[in-house]
N, C-alpha and C. Protein backbone atom coordinates (compact mmCIF):
# COMPACT_ATOMS: atom_id res chain seq x y z
N MET A 1 -187.13 -37.52 25.30
CA MET A 1 -186.14 -37.07 26.23
C MET A 1 -185.30 -35.92 25.65
N SER A 2 -184.98 -35.99 24.40
CA SER A 2 -184.21 -34.90 23.80
C SER A 2 -185.04 -33.63 23.71
N THR A 3 -186.36 -33.75 23.63
CA THR A 3 -187.23 -32.58 23.59
C THR A 3 -187.19 -31.85 24.92
N SER A 4 -187.14 -32.57 26.03
CA SER A 4 -187.09 -31.92 27.35
C SER A 4 -185.75 -31.21 27.55
N ARG A 5 -184.67 -31.78 27.04
CA ARG A 5 -183.37 -31.12 27.12
C ARG A 5 -183.36 -29.82 26.31
N LEU A 6 -183.95 -29.88 25.13
CA LEU A 6 -183.99 -28.71 24.27
C LEU A 6 -184.79 -27.59 24.93
N SER A 7 -185.94 -27.90 25.49
CA SER A 7 -186.75 -26.86 26.13
C SER A 7 -186.06 -26.34 27.38
N SER A 8 -185.32 -27.20 28.09
CA SER A 8 -184.57 -26.77 29.27
C SER A 8 -183.43 -25.83 28.87
N LEU A 9 -182.76 -26.12 27.76
CA LEU A 9 -181.67 -25.30 27.28
C LEU A 9 -182.19 -23.93 26.83
N GLN A 10 -183.34 -23.90 26.17
CA GLN A 10 -183.91 -22.65 25.70
C GLN A 10 -184.28 -21.74 26.87
N CYS A 11 -184.67 -22.27 27.99
CA CYS A 11 -185.02 -21.46 29.15
C CYS A 11 -183.78 -20.88 29.82
N LYS A 12 -182.66 -21.57 29.77
CA LYS A 12 -181.45 -21.10 30.41
C LYS A 12 -180.78 -19.98 29.63
N ILE A 13 -180.82 -20.03 28.34
CA ILE A 13 -180.14 -19.02 27.53
C ILE A 13 -180.76 -17.64 27.74
N PRO A 14 -182.06 -17.46 27.64
CA PRO A 14 -182.62 -16.12 27.84
C PRO A 14 -182.37 -15.57 29.25
N LYS A 15 -182.40 -16.41 30.27
CA LYS A 15 -182.16 -15.92 31.63
C LYS A 15 -180.73 -15.42 31.78
N SER A 16 -179.78 -16.15 31.24
CA SER A 16 -178.38 -15.71 31.34
C SER A 16 -178.14 -14.46 30.50
N LEU A 17 -178.80 -14.37 29.35
CA LEU A 17 -178.67 -13.19 28.51
C LEU A 17 -179.26 -11.98 29.21
N ILE A 18 -180.41 -12.15 29.82
CA ILE A 18 -181.05 -11.05 30.55
C ILE A 18 -180.18 -10.63 31.73
N ALA A 19 -179.60 -11.56 32.42
CA ALA A 19 -178.73 -11.25 33.55
C ALA A 19 -177.50 -10.46 33.09
N ALA A 20 -176.91 -10.87 31.97
CA ALA A 20 -175.72 -10.18 31.44
C ALA A 20 -176.08 -8.76 31.01
N LEU A 21 -177.19 -8.59 30.32
CA LEU A 21 -177.60 -7.25 29.89
C LEU A 21 -177.91 -6.36 31.09
N GLY A 22 -178.55 -6.94 32.10
CA GLY A 22 -178.84 -6.18 33.32
C GLY A 22 -177.59 -5.71 34.01
N LEU A 23 -176.57 -6.56 34.04
CA LEU A 23 -175.30 -6.19 34.65
C LEU A 23 -174.62 -5.06 33.88
N ILE A 24 -174.69 -5.11 32.57
CA ILE A 24 -174.10 -4.06 31.73
C ILE A 24 -174.80 -2.73 31.98
N VAL A 25 -176.12 -2.76 32.04
CA VAL A 25 -176.89 -1.53 32.28
C VAL A 25 -176.55 -0.95 33.65
N LEU A 26 -176.50 -1.80 34.68
CA LEU A 26 -176.19 -1.31 36.02
C LEU A 26 -174.78 -0.75 36.11
N THR A 27 -173.85 -1.36 35.42
CA THR A 27 -172.47 -0.87 35.42
C THR A 27 -172.40 0.51 34.75
N GLY A 28 -173.11 0.68 33.66
CA GLY A 28 -173.12 1.97 32.97
C GLY A 28 -173.77 3.05 33.80
N CYS A 29 -174.81 2.72 34.54
CA CYS A 29 -175.50 3.70 35.37
C CYS A 29 -174.71 4.04 36.62
N ALA A 30 -173.80 3.18 37.01
CA ALA A 30 -173.05 3.40 38.24
C ALA A 30 -171.86 4.33 38.04
N ALA A 31 -171.59 4.76 36.80
CA ALA A 31 -170.46 5.64 36.54
C ALA A 31 -170.62 6.95 37.31
N GLN A 32 -169.53 7.42 37.88
CA GLN A 32 -169.57 8.65 38.65
C GLN A 32 -169.77 9.83 37.72
N GLN A 33 -170.51 10.81 38.19
CA GLN A 33 -170.73 12.03 37.43
C GLN A 33 -169.96 13.16 38.10
N GLN A 34 -169.16 13.86 37.31
CA GLN A 34 -168.43 15.01 37.82
C GLN A 34 -169.35 16.22 37.73
N PRO A 35 -169.32 17.10 38.72
CA PRO A 35 -170.14 18.31 38.62
C PRO A 35 -169.68 19.17 37.45
N PRO A 36 -170.60 19.87 36.82
CA PRO A 36 -170.23 20.73 35.68
C PRO A 36 -169.21 21.80 36.10
N ARG A 37 -168.35 22.17 35.13
CA ARG A 37 -167.36 23.23 35.35
C ARG A 37 -167.67 24.41 34.46
N ASP A 38 -167.37 25.58 34.93
CA ASP A 38 -167.55 26.80 34.15
C ASP A 38 -166.69 26.69 32.89
N VAL A 39 -167.28 26.95 31.73
CA VAL A 39 -166.57 26.81 30.45
C VAL A 39 -165.33 27.69 30.40
N SER A 40 -165.40 28.86 30.98
CA SER A 40 -164.25 29.78 30.93
C SER A 40 -163.06 29.26 31.71
N GLU A 41 -163.26 28.28 32.60
CA GLU A 41 -162.17 27.71 33.39
C GLU A 41 -161.50 26.50 32.73
N VAL A 42 -162.07 26.00 31.63
CA VAL A 42 -161.52 24.84 30.94
C VAL A 42 -160.41 25.31 29.99
N SER A 43 -159.28 24.65 30.03
CA SER A 43 -158.11 25.04 29.24
C SER A 43 -158.33 24.82 27.74
N SER A 44 -157.70 25.69 26.94
CA SER A 44 -157.70 25.56 25.48
C SER A 44 -156.28 25.38 24.94
N VAL A 45 -155.33 25.19 25.82
CA VAL A 45 -153.92 25.10 25.44
C VAL A 45 -153.67 23.85 24.60
N ASP A 46 -152.94 24.01 23.51
CA ASP A 46 -152.50 22.90 22.64
C ASP A 46 -153.64 22.12 22.00
N THR A 47 -154.77 22.75 21.73
CA THR A 47 -155.86 22.08 21.00
C THR A 47 -156.17 22.86 19.73
N VAL A 48 -156.39 22.13 18.66
CA VAL A 48 -156.68 22.73 17.36
C VAL A 48 -157.82 21.95 16.72
N LEU A 49 -158.76 22.67 16.12
CA LEU A 49 -159.85 22.01 15.40
C LEU A 49 -159.37 21.58 14.01
N LEU A 50 -159.76 20.37 13.60
CA LEU A 50 -159.48 19.91 12.25
C LEU A 50 -160.59 20.33 11.30
N PHE A 51 -161.83 20.37 11.81
CA PHE A 51 -163.00 20.81 11.06
C PHE A 51 -163.84 21.68 11.99
N GLY A 52 -164.68 22.51 11.41
CA GLY A 52 -165.54 23.37 12.21
C GLY A 52 -166.51 22.56 13.06
N PRO A 53 -166.86 23.07 14.23
CA PRO A 53 -167.77 22.35 15.12
C PRO A 53 -169.21 22.44 14.63
N SER A 54 -170.01 21.44 15.00
CA SER A 54 -171.44 21.46 14.69
C SER A 54 -172.21 21.23 15.99
N THR A 55 -173.38 21.84 16.09
CA THR A 55 -174.18 21.72 17.31
C THR A 55 -175.35 20.77 17.09
N SER A 56 -175.78 20.16 18.19
CA SER A 56 -176.98 19.32 18.18
C SER A 56 -177.63 19.42 19.55
N ASP A 57 -178.87 19.01 19.64
CA ASP A 57 -179.62 19.04 20.89
C ASP A 57 -179.53 20.41 21.56
N ALA A 58 -179.57 21.47 20.76
CA ALA A 58 -179.48 22.81 21.31
C ALA A 58 -180.83 23.26 21.85
N SER A 59 -180.84 23.64 23.11
CA SER A 59 -182.05 24.15 23.76
C SER A 59 -181.62 25.05 24.91
N GLU A 60 -182.58 25.55 25.65
CA GLU A 60 -182.26 26.40 26.79
C GLU A 60 -181.55 25.61 27.89
N GLU A 61 -181.74 24.29 27.91
CA GLU A 61 -181.08 23.45 28.91
C GLU A 61 -179.60 23.25 28.62
N GLY A 62 -179.21 23.29 27.34
CA GLY A 62 -177.81 23.08 26.99
C GLY A 62 -177.61 22.81 25.52
N VAL A 63 -176.42 22.31 25.19
CA VAL A 63 -176.08 22.05 23.79
C VAL A 63 -174.99 20.97 23.75
N LYS A 64 -174.98 20.20 22.66
CA LYS A 64 -173.90 19.26 22.38
C LYS A 64 -173.16 19.79 21.16
N ILE A 65 -171.84 19.81 21.25
CA ILE A 65 -171.02 20.32 20.16
C ILE A 65 -170.07 19.20 19.72
N THR A 66 -170.13 18.87 18.42
CA THR A 66 -169.32 17.79 17.85
C THR A 66 -168.23 18.39 16.98
N TYR A 67 -167.00 17.87 17.13
CA TYR A 67 -165.88 18.41 16.37
C TYR A 67 -164.74 17.39 16.33
N ALA A 68 -163.88 17.57 15.34
CA ALA A 68 -162.65 16.78 15.24
C ALA A 68 -161.52 17.68 15.68
N GLN A 69 -160.67 17.16 16.56
CA GLN A 69 -159.60 18.00 17.10
C GLN A 69 -158.27 17.27 17.09
N ALA A 70 -157.23 18.05 17.20
CA ALA A 70 -155.88 17.51 17.40
C ALA A 70 -155.35 18.14 18.67
N SER A 71 -154.86 17.30 19.57
CA SER A 71 -154.28 17.79 20.83
C SER A 71 -152.82 17.40 20.88
N MET A 72 -152.03 18.26 21.45
CA MET A 72 -150.60 18.01 21.58
C MET A 72 -150.30 17.61 23.02
N GLY A 73 -150.28 16.32 23.31
CA GLY A 73 -149.94 15.84 24.65
C GLY A 73 -150.99 16.16 25.68
N PHE A 74 -150.60 16.01 26.95
CA PHE A 74 -151.48 16.35 28.05
C PHE A 74 -150.64 16.85 29.21
N ASP A 75 -151.29 17.49 30.17
CA ASP A 75 -150.58 18.08 31.30
C ASP A 75 -149.87 17.01 32.11
N SER A 76 -148.70 17.35 32.63
CA SER A 76 -147.98 16.39 33.47
C SER A 76 -148.79 16.13 34.73
N GLY A 77 -148.79 14.90 35.17
CA GLY A 77 -149.57 14.52 36.34
C GLY A 77 -151.05 14.33 36.04
N CYS A 78 -151.41 14.41 34.78
CA CYS A 78 -152.81 14.30 34.39
C CYS A 78 -152.93 13.19 33.35
N ASN A 79 -153.62 12.13 33.70
CA ASN A 79 -153.75 10.98 32.82
C ASN A 79 -155.04 11.10 32.01
N PRO A 80 -154.98 11.17 30.68
CA PRO A 80 -156.21 11.30 29.89
C PRO A 80 -157.15 10.11 30.03
N ASN A 81 -156.65 8.97 30.49
CA ASN A 81 -157.51 7.81 30.72
C ASN A 81 -158.06 7.78 32.13
N GLN A 82 -157.81 8.83 32.89
CA GLN A 82 -158.34 9.02 34.23
C GLN A 82 -157.83 8.01 35.25
N THR A 83 -156.70 7.36 35.00
CA THR A 83 -156.17 6.39 35.94
C THR A 83 -155.77 7.05 37.25
N PHE A 84 -155.20 8.25 37.18
CA PHE A 84 -154.71 8.92 38.37
C PHE A 84 -155.62 10.05 38.82
N SER A 85 -156.78 10.21 38.23
CA SER A 85 -157.65 11.32 38.54
C SER A 85 -158.92 10.85 39.24
N ASP A 86 -159.32 11.59 40.25
CA ASP A 86 -160.59 11.31 40.93
C ASP A 86 -161.77 11.92 40.17
N ASP A 87 -161.50 12.91 39.35
CA ASP A 87 -162.56 13.57 38.57
C ASP A 87 -162.54 13.07 37.14
N LEU A 88 -163.71 12.80 36.59
CA LEU A 88 -163.80 12.17 35.27
C LEU A 88 -163.21 13.00 34.15
N ASN A 89 -163.48 14.30 34.09
CA ASN A 89 -163.00 15.12 32.98
C ASN A 89 -161.97 16.14 33.45
N ASP A 90 -161.17 15.74 34.42
CA ASP A 90 -160.16 16.62 34.99
C ASP A 90 -159.16 17.07 33.94
N CYS A 91 -158.86 16.23 32.96
CA CYS A 91 -157.85 16.54 31.95
C CYS A 91 -158.44 17.10 30.66
N ALA A 92 -159.74 17.22 30.57
CA ALA A 92 -160.38 17.65 29.32
C ALA A 92 -159.99 19.08 28.96
N LYS A 93 -159.75 19.29 27.67
CA LYS A 93 -159.48 20.61 27.13
C LYS A 93 -160.50 20.88 26.03
N LEU A 94 -160.79 22.14 25.80
CA LEU A 94 -161.75 22.53 24.76
C LEU A 94 -161.10 23.54 23.83
N PRO A 95 -161.22 23.34 22.52
CA PRO A 95 -160.74 24.36 21.58
C PRO A 95 -161.49 25.67 21.82
N SER A 96 -160.82 26.78 21.61
CA SER A 96 -161.42 28.09 21.89
C SER A 96 -162.70 28.32 21.08
N GLU A 97 -162.77 27.79 19.85
CA GLU A 97 -163.98 27.95 19.04
C GLU A 97 -165.18 27.24 19.68
N VAL A 98 -164.93 26.09 20.28
CA VAL A 98 -166.00 25.33 20.95
C VAL A 98 -166.45 26.07 22.20
N LYS A 99 -165.51 26.58 22.96
CA LYS A 99 -165.85 27.35 24.15
C LYS A 99 -166.71 28.56 23.79
N THR A 100 -166.30 29.29 22.73
CA THR A 100 -167.04 30.47 22.29
C THR A 100 -168.45 30.10 21.86
N LEU A 101 -168.58 29.00 21.13
CA LEU A 101 -169.90 28.55 20.66
C LEU A 101 -170.81 28.22 21.85
N ALA A 102 -170.29 27.53 22.85
CA ALA A 102 -171.08 27.18 24.03
C ALA A 102 -171.45 28.43 24.84
N LEU A 103 -170.49 29.33 25.02
CA LEU A 103 -170.76 30.56 25.77
C LEU A 103 -171.82 31.40 25.07
N ASP A 104 -171.72 31.54 23.75
CA ASP A 104 -172.70 32.33 22.99
C ASP A 104 -174.08 31.70 23.03
N HIS A 105 -174.14 30.37 22.94
CA HIS A 105 -175.43 29.68 22.97
C HIS A 105 -176.15 29.96 24.28
N CYS A 106 -175.47 29.75 25.39
CA CYS A 106 -176.11 29.95 26.70
C CYS A 106 -176.38 31.43 26.98
N ALA A 107 -175.49 32.30 26.51
CA ALA A 107 -175.69 33.73 26.71
C ALA A 107 -176.94 34.22 26.00
N SER A 108 -177.32 33.57 24.90
CA SER A 108 -178.54 33.97 24.18
C SER A 108 -179.79 33.77 25.03
N PHE A 109 -179.70 32.92 26.07
CA PHE A 109 -180.80 32.70 27.00
C PHE A 109 -180.56 33.43 28.32
N GLY A 110 -179.47 34.21 28.39
CA GLY A 110 -179.12 34.90 29.62
C GLY A 110 -178.57 33.98 30.69
N LEU A 111 -177.98 32.85 30.27
CA LEU A 111 -177.47 31.85 31.20
C LEU A 111 -175.97 31.65 31.03
N LYS A 112 -175.37 30.96 31.98
CA LYS A 112 -173.94 30.68 31.99
C LYS A 112 -173.69 29.27 31.45
N ALA A 113 -172.68 29.11 30.59
CA ALA A 113 -172.35 27.81 30.01
C ALA A 113 -171.49 27.01 30.98
N MET A 114 -171.91 25.75 31.20
CA MET A 114 -171.18 24.84 32.09
C MET A 114 -170.78 23.60 31.30
N PHE A 115 -169.50 23.20 31.40
CA PHE A 115 -168.98 22.03 30.71
C PHE A 115 -169.28 20.79 31.54
N VAL A 116 -169.98 19.82 30.93
CA VAL A 116 -170.34 18.58 31.62
C VAL A 116 -169.32 17.49 31.36
N GLY A 117 -168.83 17.39 30.13
CA GLY A 117 -167.84 16.37 29.82
C GLY A 117 -167.80 16.05 28.33
N ASN A 118 -166.82 15.23 27.95
CA ASN A 118 -166.64 14.82 26.56
C ASN A 118 -166.96 13.34 26.39
N THR A 119 -167.46 13.01 25.23
CA THR A 119 -167.62 11.63 24.80
C THR A 119 -167.07 11.56 23.38
N THR A 120 -167.11 10.38 22.78
CA THR A 120 -166.65 10.20 21.40
C THR A 120 -167.76 9.52 20.62
N ASN A 121 -168.02 10.00 19.40
CA ASN A 121 -169.03 9.35 18.57
C ASN A 121 -168.39 8.25 17.73
N TRP A 122 -169.18 7.59 16.90
CA TRP A 122 -168.69 6.45 16.13
C TRP A 122 -167.65 6.84 15.07
N LEU A 123 -167.57 8.13 14.72
CA LEU A 123 -166.55 8.62 13.78
C LEU A 123 -165.28 9.06 14.51
N GLN A 124 -165.23 8.80 15.82
CA GLN A 124 -164.12 9.19 16.68
C GLN A 124 -163.95 10.70 16.77
N GLN A 125 -165.05 11.42 16.63
CA GLN A 125 -165.04 12.86 16.86
C GLN A 125 -165.41 13.11 18.32
N THR A 126 -164.94 14.22 18.85
CA THR A 126 -165.26 14.58 20.22
C THR A 126 -166.64 15.21 20.27
N VAL A 127 -167.44 14.80 21.25
CA VAL A 127 -168.75 15.39 21.50
C VAL A 127 -168.70 16.00 22.90
N SER A 128 -168.71 17.33 22.97
CA SER A 128 -168.68 18.03 24.25
C SER A 128 -170.10 18.37 24.66
N ASN A 129 -170.43 18.08 25.91
CA ASN A 129 -171.76 18.34 26.44
C ASN A 129 -171.72 19.54 27.37
N PHE A 130 -172.66 20.45 27.18
CA PHE A 130 -172.75 21.66 27.98
C PHE A 130 -174.17 21.83 28.50
N THR A 131 -174.28 22.39 29.70
CA THR A 131 -175.58 22.79 30.22
C THR A 131 -175.57 24.30 30.39
N CYS A 132 -176.75 24.87 30.37
CA CYS A 132 -176.88 26.32 30.60
C CYS A 132 -177.52 26.51 31.98
N GLU A 133 -176.82 27.20 32.83
CA GLU A 133 -177.34 27.43 34.20
C GLU A 133 -177.44 28.91 34.48
């Protein structure tokens, strides 16, 4: 009798684990995507690089630029946690060096640099994503 309970318990755990993982994946995929913005329109006010930026995944399609930055506050009426914003990266700012790097990268292909958004890596550095259109 205890063997049947054990096998019954083993069947329930994987199903609930699979259901939880599926829910996490669906939640992550359901995040709204903001349309890309022209890099020249993104503000550089009050942002300073702590270390020079580095590029990764550079191709004709776009580039990712990783950097450590210091920002001084945020615009009034603009919540950096997006609580009051309908657009995901409405409050994002880019240091001028990062903007120049993205513009130069896309210009080398004869394309325009578009800012897709920021994420953070495990070192808490900013990772800015750009596409070339």
